[in-house]
């Protein structure tokens, strides 16, 4: 089959699609990944055909914007960014999809979804985190740890209606409906409610024990599991880092996210906390300008390390709560300290706390003293250790069970064979 996978966003959004593309390629299919040119070299090294959408200038402008990480402004900024490239995403998808048997787009590929509706090619939406699928039964955890699931049903509905009317649709609906009108399609609202779920097939790329399918979720939703691609095949653990890991106790690893370019205070606090509790530390970021100039001897900076290789060898992972990092931590059985900021991060963090594998530290409390205290608690709490090991065992499949990524591939293949019967 000829298959097109499209994704917009950071490494956390691109990695799962590269992993799925490789799995589809191993199954004998001709696969293309469309994403920002920033990730072209990664896709090429992974052995997958690449098609660009957007520009390097656009990508760099997005990640330079501090509002992207603001609890309230962040989601609006993402929608505004999606609106900026709607027409280009529509046009590029139309051009490439004409020679494809099926197309899979990430949550933010609203231009691609519109092209599929206009031209009728088989299309699936792939969501990476449970917060992407709306429910009136269980509301997501919001920044500040707020969860309003205790409210009666009619108030939950009013919550979503208000969110759509005042915060979500105003940032994306005008541009999306302008595009739809230009191509003879009726206007839409409730963009992040029902609209962005492709009607033929919507994939939830997480396991049901992390975020179960609820009674009011769309019928076409299929949960498959975490893709767990980490670039290990093209960016392996370096010999220098491997030697450093072998030279002492398991360190504490720190990352505020691959696209975070405003993490100087995060890394300074991380370094200070390691010094305070006498532990080794690894500061992970491709943006070296964020790293303190004078690191203590026990703390090192590493631009990148594949989490599948690194995390089983660390004592605690301190991170932002992005779904890719979260999933890798769960598989590795590593304790987590999560500093959620915005987007899906607070909800992912709350799910980890409920599983008993993590503690959260809000951004406004992320000081060297608070972090050192939280790390000490994580390191010495036997209940968290037992919980992490129990969750890690969920990833150990029985021989007859297919891998999550194979389930994803099977559903995409079915969509290509039977577009109207995939769900």
Protein backbone atom coordinates (compact mmCIF):
# COMPACT_ATOMS: atom_id res chain seq x y z
CA UNK A 1 0.00 0.00 0.00
CA UNK A 2 0.97 3.65 -0.44
CA UNK A 3 0.47 5.48 2.86
CA UNK A 4 0.96 9.09 3.94
CA UNK A 5 1.49 10.09 7.58
CA UNK A 6 1.26 13.82 8.43
CA UNK A 7 2.16 15.49 11.71
CA UNK A 8 2.72 19.01 13.01
CA UNK A 9 4.57 19.99 16.17
CA UNK A 10 7.77 19.15 18.03
CA UNK A 11 9.89 16.00 18.33
CA UNK A 12 7.23 14.61 20.66
CA UNK A 13 4.70 14.87 17.84
CA UNK A 14 7.02 13.61 15.11
CA UNK A 15 8.66 10.62 16.82
CA UNK A 16 5.46 8.51 17.04
CA UNK A 17 4.77 9.00 13.33
CA UNK A 18 8.30 8.03 12.36
CA UNK A 19 7.96 4.87 14.47
CA UNK A 20 4.62 3.98 12.87
CA UNK A 21 6.03 4.72 9.41
CA UNK A 22 8.95 2.35 10.02
CA UNK A 23 6.57 -0.36 11.24
CA UNK A 24 4.39 0.06 8.14
CA UNK A 25 7.50 -0.05 5.95
CA UNK A 26 8.58 -3.32 7.59
CA UNK A 27 5.15 -4.69 6.70
CA UNK A 28 5.91 -4.06 3.02
CA UNK A 29 4.24 -0.69 2.43
CA UNK A 30 5.46 2.44 0.64
CA UNK A 31 5.29 5.09 3.38
CA UNK A 32 5.81 8.86 3.31
CA UNK A 33 6.00 11.20 6.32
CA UNK A 34 4.97 14.82 5.83
CA UNK A 35 6.06 17.32 8.48
CA UNK A 36 8.08 20.49 8.98
CA UNK A 37 11.44 20.61 7.15
CA UNK A 38 13.17 20.81 10.54
CA UNK A 39 12.57 17.07 10.84
CA UNK A 40 13.50 16.15 7.28
CA UNK A 41 16.97 14.83 8.23
CA UNK A 42 15.47 12.63 10.96
CA UNK A 43 12.89 11.14 8.59
CA UNK A 44 15.57 10.57 5.94
CA UNK A 45 17.89 8.82 8.42
CA UNK A 46 15.00 6.64 9.52
CA UNK A 47 14.72 5.36 5.95
CA UNK A 48 11.32 6.91 5.21
CA UNK A 49 10.33 9.13 2.27
CA UNK A 50 9.85 12.76 3.32
CA UNK A 51 7.53 15.53 2.17
CA UNK A 52 7.80 19.04 3.69
CA UNK A 53 4.96 21.20 4.98
CA UNK A 54 5.51 24.56 6.62
CA UNK A 55 8.91 26.23 6.82
CA UNK A 56 11.97 26.30 9.05
CA UNK A 57 11.25 29.96 9.76
CA UNK A 58 7.76 29.11 10.99
CA UNK A 59 9.01 26.29 13.21
CA UNK A 60 11.75 28.44 14.76
CA UNK A 61 9.33 31.30 15.36
CA UNK A 62 6.92 28.96 17.16
CA UNK A 63 9.48 27.50 19.54
CA UNK A 64 10.99 30.92 20.26
CA UNK A 65 7.60 32.18 21.49
CA UNK A 66 7.45 32.04 25.32
CA UNK A 67 3.64 32.12 25.17
CA UNK A 68 3.75 28.58 23.80
CA UNK A 69 4.45 27.38 27.36
CA UNK A 70 1.98 29.65 29.19
CA UNK A 71 -0.85 27.74 30.96
CA UNK A 72 -3.60 29.81 29.32
CA UNK A 73 -1.91 31.38 26.29
CA UNK A 74 -0.18 28.19 25.13
CA UNK A 75 -3.18 26.33 23.64
CA UNK A 76 -4.41 29.50 21.93
CA UNK A 77 -0.94 30.05 20.45
CA UNK A 78 -0.92 26.51 19.06
CA UNK A 79 -4.30 27.02 17.40
CA UNK A 80 -3.12 30.33 15.94
CA UNK A 81 -0.04 28.55 14.57
CA UNK A 82 -2.20 25.85 13.00
CA UNK A 83 -4.40 28.55 11.45
CA UNK A 84 -1.33 30.16 9.85
CA UNK A 85 -0.53 27.07 7.77
CA UNK A 86 -4.04 25.67 7.20
CA UNK A 87 -4.06 26.46 3.48
CA UNK A 88 -0.56 25.12 2.94
CA UNK A 89 -1.38 21.92 4.83
CA UNK A 90 -4.55 21.53 2.76
CA UNK A 91 -2.72 22.06 -0.53
CA UNK A 92 0.27 19.85 0.29
CA UNK A 93 -1.99 17.05 1.51
CA UNK A 94 -4.15 17.26 -1.61
CA UNK A 95 -1.10 17.06 -3.86
CA UNK A 96 0.54 14.08 -2.15
CA UNK A 97 -2.64 12.19 -1.15
CA UNK A 98 -3.70 11.88 -4.76
CA UNK A 99 -1.23 9.02 -5.14
CA UNK A 100 -1.90 7.40 -1.73
CA UNK A 101 -4.22 4.61 -0.56
CA UNK A 102 -4.77 6.18 2.87
CA UNK A 103 -3.66 9.18 4.93
CA UNK A 104 -3.15 9.48 8.70
CA UNK A 105 -2.89 12.93 10.27
CA UNK A 106 -2.07 14.06 13.79
CA UNK A 107 -4.54 16.06 15.88
CA UNK A 108 -3.39 19.44 14.56
CA UNK A 109 -3.59 18.52 10.86
CA UNK A 110 -6.95 20.24 10.37
CA UNK A 111 -5.99 21.29 6.84
CA UNK A 112 -5.36 17.66 5.96
CA UNK A 113 -8.67 16.59 7.50
CA UNK A 114 -10.42 19.24 5.40
CA UNK A 115 -8.68 18.01 2.25
CA UNK A 116 -9.86 14.48 2.99
CA UNK A 117 -13.44 15.69 3.39
CA UNK A 118 -13.26 17.68 0.16
CA UNK A 119 -11.61 15.05 -2.04
CA UNK A 120 -12.83 11.86 -0.38
CA UNK A 121 -9.60 9.96 0.26
CA UNK A 122 -9.41 7.54 3.25
CA UNK A 123 -8.25 9.46 6.31
CA UNK A 124 -7.61 8.72 9.98
CA UNK A 125 -6.88 11.09 12.86
CA UNK A 126 -4.19 9.94 15.30
CA UNK A 127 -4.32 11.52 18.77
CA UNK A 128 -1.29 11.15 21.03
CA UNK A 129 -2.81 11.81 24.46
CA UNK A 130 -6.16 11.15 26.20
CA UNK A 131 -6.91 14.86 26.61
CA UNK A 132 -7.42 15.03 22.84
CA UNK A 133 -10.66 13.01 23.02
CA UNK A 134 -13.41 14.93 24.76
CA UNK A 135 -15.77 13.45 27.34
CA UNK A 136 -18.54 14.69 29.62
CA UNK A 137 -17.92 11.74 31.93
CA UNK A 138 -14.29 12.49 32.85
CA UNK A 139 -12.92 15.99 32.33
CA UNK A 140 -9.16 16.45 31.87
CA UNK A 141 -6.90 17.86 34.54
CA UNK A 142 -6.10 21.48 33.70
CA UNK A 143 -3.10 23.67 34.60
CA UNK A 144 -2.92 24.10 38.35
CA UNK A 145 -4.12 20.54 38.90
CA UNK A 146 -7.76 21.56 38.46
CA UNK A 147 -10.18 18.76 37.61
CA UNK A 148 -13.90 19.50 37.41
CA UNK A 149 -15.13 15.94 36.93
CA UNK A 150 -17.10 16.24 40.17
CA UNK A 151 -19.57 18.59 38.47
CA UNK A 152 -22.96 17.30 37.29
CA UNK A 153 -23.33 16.41 33.62
CA UNK A 154 -25.08 19.62 32.55
CA UNK A 155 -22.29 21.73 34.07
CA UNK A 156 -19.61 19.68 32.31
CA UNK A 157 -21.39 20.33 29.03
CA UNK A 158 -21.51 24.05 29.83
CA UNK A 159 -17.80 23.93 30.60
CA UNK A 160 -17.02 22.56 27.12
CA UNK A 161 -19.50 24.93 25.46
CA UNK A 162 -17.80 27.88 27.15
CA UNK A 163 -14.32 26.61 26.29
CA UNK A 164 -15.32 26.28 22.62
CA UNK A 165 -17.11 29.61 22.44
CA UNK A 166 -14.56 31.78 24.24
CA UNK A 167 -11.16 30.10 24.06
CA UNK A 168 -10.85 27.44 21.34
CA UNK A 169 -13.00 28.20 18.29
CA UNK A 170 -12.11 31.93 18.10
CA UNK A 171 -8.46 30.99 17.50
CA UNK A 172 -9.04 28.46 14.72
CA UNK A 173 -12.65 28.50 13.43
CA UNK A 174 -12.45 31.73 11.35
CA UNK A 175 -9.44 30.51 9.34
CA UNK A 176 -10.75 26.95 9.08
CA UNK A 177 -14.20 28.02 7.92
CA UNK A 178 -12.69 30.45 5.41
CA UNK A 179 -10.78 27.51 3.93
CA UNK A 180 -13.89 25.32 3.98
CA UNK A 181 -16.00 28.00 2.29
CA UNK A 182 -13.40 28.38 -0.46
CA UNK A 183 -13.79 24.68 -1.24
CA UNK A 184 -17.57 24.45 -0.99
CA UNK A 185 -17.75 22.93 2.50
CA UNK A 186 -20.15 23.98 5.24
CA UNK A 187 -18.82 25.85 8.29
CA UNK A 188 -17.99 23.94 11.47
CA UNK A 189 -17.68 24.70 15.18
CA UNK A 190 -16.71 22.65 18.23
CA UNK A 191 -13.39 22.14 16.42
CA UNK A 192 -11.59 20.24 19.18
CA UNK A 193 -14.72 18.42 20.29
CA UNK A 194 -16.18 16.29 17.54
CA UNK A 195 -14.75 17.87 14.38
CA UNK A 196 -11.10 16.86 14.60
CA UNK A 197 -11.98 13.17 15.03
CA UNK A 198 -11.94 11.65 11.54
CA UNK A 199 -15.27 9.86 11.00
CA UNK A 200 -13.81 6.72 9.42
CA UNK A 201 -11.11 6.07 12.03
CA UNK A 202 -9.71 7.93 15.02
CA UNK A 203 -6.67 6.37 16.68
CA UNK A 204 -5.80 6.88 20.34
CA UNK A 205 -2.08 6.11 20.63
CA UNK A 206 -2.13 5.10 24.30
CA UNK A 207 -3.26 1.98 26.24
CA UNK A 208 -6.65 1.73 27.92
CA UNK A 209 -5.07 1.48 31.39
CA UNK A 210 -3.65 4.98 30.89
CA UNK A 211 -6.82 6.50 29.45
CA UNK A 212 -9.80 4.17 28.93
CA UNK A 213 -12.34 4.57 26.16
CA UNK A 214 -15.40 6.09 27.82
CA UNK A 215 -19.07 5.62 26.98
CA UNK A 216 -19.38 9.03 25.32
CA UNK A 217 -16.19 8.82 23.28
CA UNK A 218 -16.67 8.63 19.49
CA UNK A 219 -17.58 5.18 18.20
CA UNK A 220 -14.73 5.25 15.67
CA UNK A 221 -12.08 5.69 18.39
CA UNK A 222 -9.64 2.78 18.66
CA UNK A 223 -6.98 2.67 21.39
CA UNK A 224 -3.79 0.91 20.35
CA UNK A 225 -0.96 1.84 22.74
CA UNK A 226 2.14 4.03 22.96
CA UNK A 227 4.30 3.99 19.77
CA UNK A 228 7.51 4.49 21.87
CA UNK A 229 9.85 5.52 19.04
CA UNK A 230 12.94 7.32 20.40
CA UNK A 231 15.45 7.67 17.51
CA UNK A 232 17.67 4.93 18.94
CA UNK A 233 18.19 3.53 15.43
CA UNK A 234 19.56 6.83 14.10
CA UNK A 235 20.82 8.57 17.28
CA UNK A 236 22.10 5.84 19.60
CA UNK A 237 23.42 6.32 23.12
CA UNK A 238 26.92 7.77 22.75
CA UNK A 239 29.96 5.83 24.03
CA UNK A 240 30.88 8.83 26.19
CA UNK A 241 27.48 8.89 27.91
CA UNK A 242 27.52 5.13 28.31
CA UNK A 243 30.89 5.34 30.08
CA UNK A 244 29.65 8.17 32.31
CA UNK A 245 26.57 6.18 33.28
CA UNK A 246 28.74 3.20 34.19
CA UNK A 247 31.05 5.33 36.33
CA UNK A 248 28.70 6.02 39.24
CA UNK A 249 25.28 5.72 40.81
CA UNK A 250 22.16 6.06 38.63
CA UNK A 251 21.76 9.79 37.95
CA UNK A 252 18.72 12.04 37.82
CA UNK A 253 17.74 13.14 34.30
CA UNK A 254 16.09 16.45 33.44
CA UNK A 255 14.23 17.71 30.37
CA UNK A 256 11.61 20.49 29.95
CA UNK A 257 10.67 19.22 26.48
CA UNK A 258 12.37 19.08 23.09
CA UNK A 259 10.85 22.36 21.85
CA UNK A 260 11.43 24.33 25.06
CA UNK A 261 13.86 27.20 24.43
CA UNK A 262 13.11 29.07 27.66
CA UNK A 263 14.41 26.54 30.17
CA UNK A 264 17.44 28.31 31.65
CA UNK A 265 15.87 28.57 35.13
CA UNK A 266 14.71 24.94 34.90
CA UNK A 267 18.25 23.70 34.25
CA UNK A 268 19.80 26.00 36.87
CA UNK A 269 17.34 24.67 39.45
CA UNK A 270 18.09 21.11 38.33
CA UNK A 271 21.82 21.61 38.74
CA UNK A 272 21.40 23.25 42.15
CA UNK A 273 19.12 20.45 43.37
CA UNK A 274 21.61 17.76 42.33
CA UNK A 275 24.34 19.56 44.25
CA UNK A 276 22.04 19.93 47.26
CA UNK A 277 21.26 16.19 47.54
CA UNK A 278 24.63 14.93 46.29
CA UNK A 279 23.39 13.15 43.16
CA UNK A 280 24.67 13.05 39.60
CA UNK A 281 22.52 14.73 36.98
CA UNK A 282 21.99 14.79 33.19
CA UNK A 283 20.57 17.93 31.59
CA UNK A 284 18.92 17.01 28.29
CA UNK A 285 18.36 19.66 25.63
CA UNK A 286 19.36 20.34 22.04
CA UNK A 287 19.35 24.07 22.88
CA UNK A 288 22.68 24.43 24.67
CA UNK A 289 22.26 28.16 25.28
CA UNK A 290 19.90 27.26 28.15
CA UNK A 291 22.55 25.35 30.11
CA UNK A 292 24.28 27.14 33.05
CA UNK A 293 27.86 28.06 32.20
CA UNK A 294 29.51 26.57 35.28
CA UNK A 295 28.03 23.14 35.94
CA UNK A 296 29.25 21.21 38.99
CA UNK A 297 31.42 18.18 38.22
CA UNK A 298 28.57 15.77 38.97
CA UNK A 299 26.19 17.32 36.39
CA UNK A 300 26.58 17.01 32.61
CA UNK A 301 24.78 18.34 29.55
CA UNK A 302 23.74 15.93 26.79
CA UNK A 303 22.00 17.22 23.63
CA UNK A 304 20.00 14.03 23.15
CA UNK A 305 19.83 10.44 24.32
CA UNK A 306 17.26 7.79 23.30
CA UNK A 307 15.01 7.31 26.31
CA UNK A 308 14.60 3.59 25.77
CA UNK A 309 18.33 3.18 26.41
CA UNK A 310 18.79 5.95 28.99
CA UNK A 311 15.81 5.78 31.34
CA UNK A 312 16.30 2.24 32.69
CA UNK A 313 19.65 3.52 33.97
CA UNK A 314 18.46 6.66 35.80
CA UNK A 315 17.01 6.99 39.29
CA UNK A 316 14.42 9.72 38.60
CA UNK A 317 13.26 11.55 35.50
CA UNK A 318 12.29 15.21 35.99
CA UNK A 319 10.25 16.42 33.04
CA UNK A 320 7.37 18.49 31.71
CA UNK A 321 4.75 15.77 31.28
CA UNK A 322 4.76 15.50 27.50
CA UNK A 323 3.15 12.26 26.41
CA UNK A 324 6.25 10.85 24.69
CA UNK A 325 8.51 11.34 27.71
CA UNK A 326 5.76 10.11 30.03
CA UNK A 327 5.26 6.91 28.05
CA UNK A 328 8.99 6.16 27.99
CA UNK A 329 9.18 6.67 31.76
CA UNK A 330 6.27 4.31 32.34
CA UNK A 331 7.88 1.61 30.21
CA UNK A 332 11.28 2.02 31.91
CA UNK A 333 9.79 1.78 35.40
CA UNK A 334 11.48 5.02 36.47
CA UNK A 335 10.20 7.38 39.14
CA UNK A 336 8.95 10.71 37.79
CA UNK A 337 8.91 14.28 39.04
CA UNK A 338 6.68 16.23 36.66
CA UNK A 339 6.56 20.00 36.27
CA UNK A 340 3.53 20.39 33.96
CA UNK A 341 3.08 23.71 32.20
CA UNK A 342 0.31 23.57 29.58
CA UNK A 343 -1.31 21.57 26.74
CA UNK A 344 -1.66 17.84 27.61
CA UNK A 345 1.01 18.00 30.33
CA UNK A 346 -1.18 18.59 33.45
CA UNK A 347 -3.53 15.77 32.45
CA UNK A 348 -0.70 13.33 31.73
CA UNK A 349 0.88 14.24 35.06
CA UNK A 350 -2.35 13.63 36.94
CA UNK A 351 -2.70 10.20 35.34
CA UNK A 352 0.83 9.31 36.46
CA UNK A 353 0.12 10.47 40.00
CA UNK A 354 -3.02 8.32 40.01
CA UNK A 355 -0.92 5.33 38.91
CA UNK A 356 1.36 6.01 41.87
CA UNK A 357 4.53 6.49 39.79
CA UNK A 358 5.03 10.27 40.00
CA UNK A 359 4.84 13.42 42.01
CA UNK A 360 4.13 16.82 40.52
CA UNK A 361 5.86 20.10 41.26
CA UNK A 362 4.10 23.16 39.80
CA UNK A 363 6.21 25.60 37.84
CA UNK A 364 5.68 28.34 40.41
CA UNK A 365 7.07 26.05 43.14
CA UNK A 366 9.98 24.70 41.08
CA UNK A 367 12.83 25.90 43.33
CA UNK A 368 16.05 24.13 44.28
CA UNK A 369 14.75 23.44 47.79
CA UNK A 370 11.36 22.12 46.67
CA UNK A 371 12.92 20.04 43.90
CA UNK A 372 15.58 18.59 46.21
CA UNK A 373 12.91 17.69 48.76
CA UNK A 374 10.70 16.05 46.11
CA UNK A 375 13.61 14.10 44.66
CA UNK A 376 14.59 12.81 48.10
CA UNK A 377 11.03 11.68 48.70
CA UNK A 378 10.88 9.89 45.35
CA UNK A 379 14.21 8.17 45.92
CA UNK A 380 13.23 6.80 49.33
CA UNK A 381 9.53 5.98 48.89
CA UNK A 382 9.12 2.19 48.46
CA UNK A 383 5.50 2.57 47.38
CA UNK A 384 6.50 4.60 44.31
CA UNK A 385 9.18 2.04 43.47
CA UNK A 386 6.64 -0.79 43.62
CA UNK A 387 4.17 1.20 41.51
CA UNK A 388 6.74 1.94 38.80
CA UNK A 389 7.67 -1.73 38.55
CA UNK A 390 4.02 -2.76 38.42
CA UNK A 391 3.30 -0.33 35.59
CA UNK A 392 6.42 -1.38 33.69
CA UNK A 393 5.16 -4.96 33.73
CA UNK A 394 2.12 -3.84 31.72
CA UNK A 395 4.48 -3.40 28.78
CA UNK A 396 5.56 -7.06 28.94
CA UNK A 397 3.20 -8.65 26.42
CA UNK A 398 2.26 -12.29 26.25
CA UNK A 399 3.59 -14.12 23.16
CA UNK A 400 0.20 -14.10 21.45
CA UNK A 401 -0.39 -10.37 22.00
CA UNK A 402 0.47 -8.03 19.12
CA UNK A 403 2.66 -5.02 19.79
CA UNK A 404 0.71 -1.74 20.11
CA UNK A 405 2.39 -0.36 17.00
CA UNK A 406 1.28 -3.45 15.05
CA UNK A 407 -2.33 -2.83 16.15
CA UNK A 408 -1.98 0.70 14.82
CA UNK A 409 -0.64 -0.60 11.51
CA UNK A 410 -3.44 -3.14 11.18
CA UNK A 411 -6.09 -0.44 11.59
CA UNK A 412 -4.38 1.79 9.02
CA UNK A 413 -4.21 -1.14 6.59
CA UNK A 414 -7.89 -1.84 7.13
CA UNK A 415 -8.70 1.82 6.45
CA UNK A 416 -6.82 1.60 3.15
CA UNK A 417 -8.61 -1.63 2.14
CA UNK A 418 -12.10 -0.70 3.37
CA UNK A 419 -12.33 3.08 3.89
CA UNK A 420 -15.99 3.02 4.98
CA UNK A 421 -15.67 0.05 7.32
CA UNK A 422 -12.45 0.77 9.27
CA UNK A 423 -14.33 1.41 12.52
